Amino acid sequence: MNKKILFPTDFSPASSAALAYAASLARDTGSQLLILHVEDLQVAYAGGEMYVPTVATPNAELQQMLRSIAPADKSVIYEHRLAIGSPAEEIVQIAKDEGVELIVMGTHGRSGLSRLLMGSVAEAVVRKAPCPVLTLKQPAKEPLTNTRKQAGAAPS
């Protein structure tokens, strides 16, 4: 059986940062990288009702976005998968179905009320996954520096 590493992406900067880690681990372990995006179709309405549209085929724009994600190292074997459903549930199910050895995913690092309202896909995956999960927090933004120093201007 081929070794597989699952890399779920939501196309965010946190996911982009995690791709390099996932690709290096796949390369170093001789694993195939499974790059996954889950289209979440649940749409909440202000009235408290939830509408879940039934769509048989994935969004073509998302398929194109997914195909644009690839490891920088051309030696890494990878494939793309687009699924439809609840992101955490689909990630866990695909990990089980594919027998992946590791899930590598970015996390937004939300806490408090933001996490309560939006949920945490990464947290749900960590709790339910059939294998180890490596979560990588979105890198901190670069601190602002004095532009005069960067341009080589003399201080006044």
Foldseek 3Di string as FASTA:
>chain_A
DAAEEEQEDPPDLQSVVQLQVQQVVCVVVVHAYEYEYEAEQWDADPVRDIDRDDDDDDDPVVVVVQVVDDHPDPVHHYDYDYHYHDLLVVSQVVCVVVVHAEYEYEWQPDDDPVCVVPPGSLVSNCVRHPHYYHYHYRDDDDDDDDVCVVVVHDDD
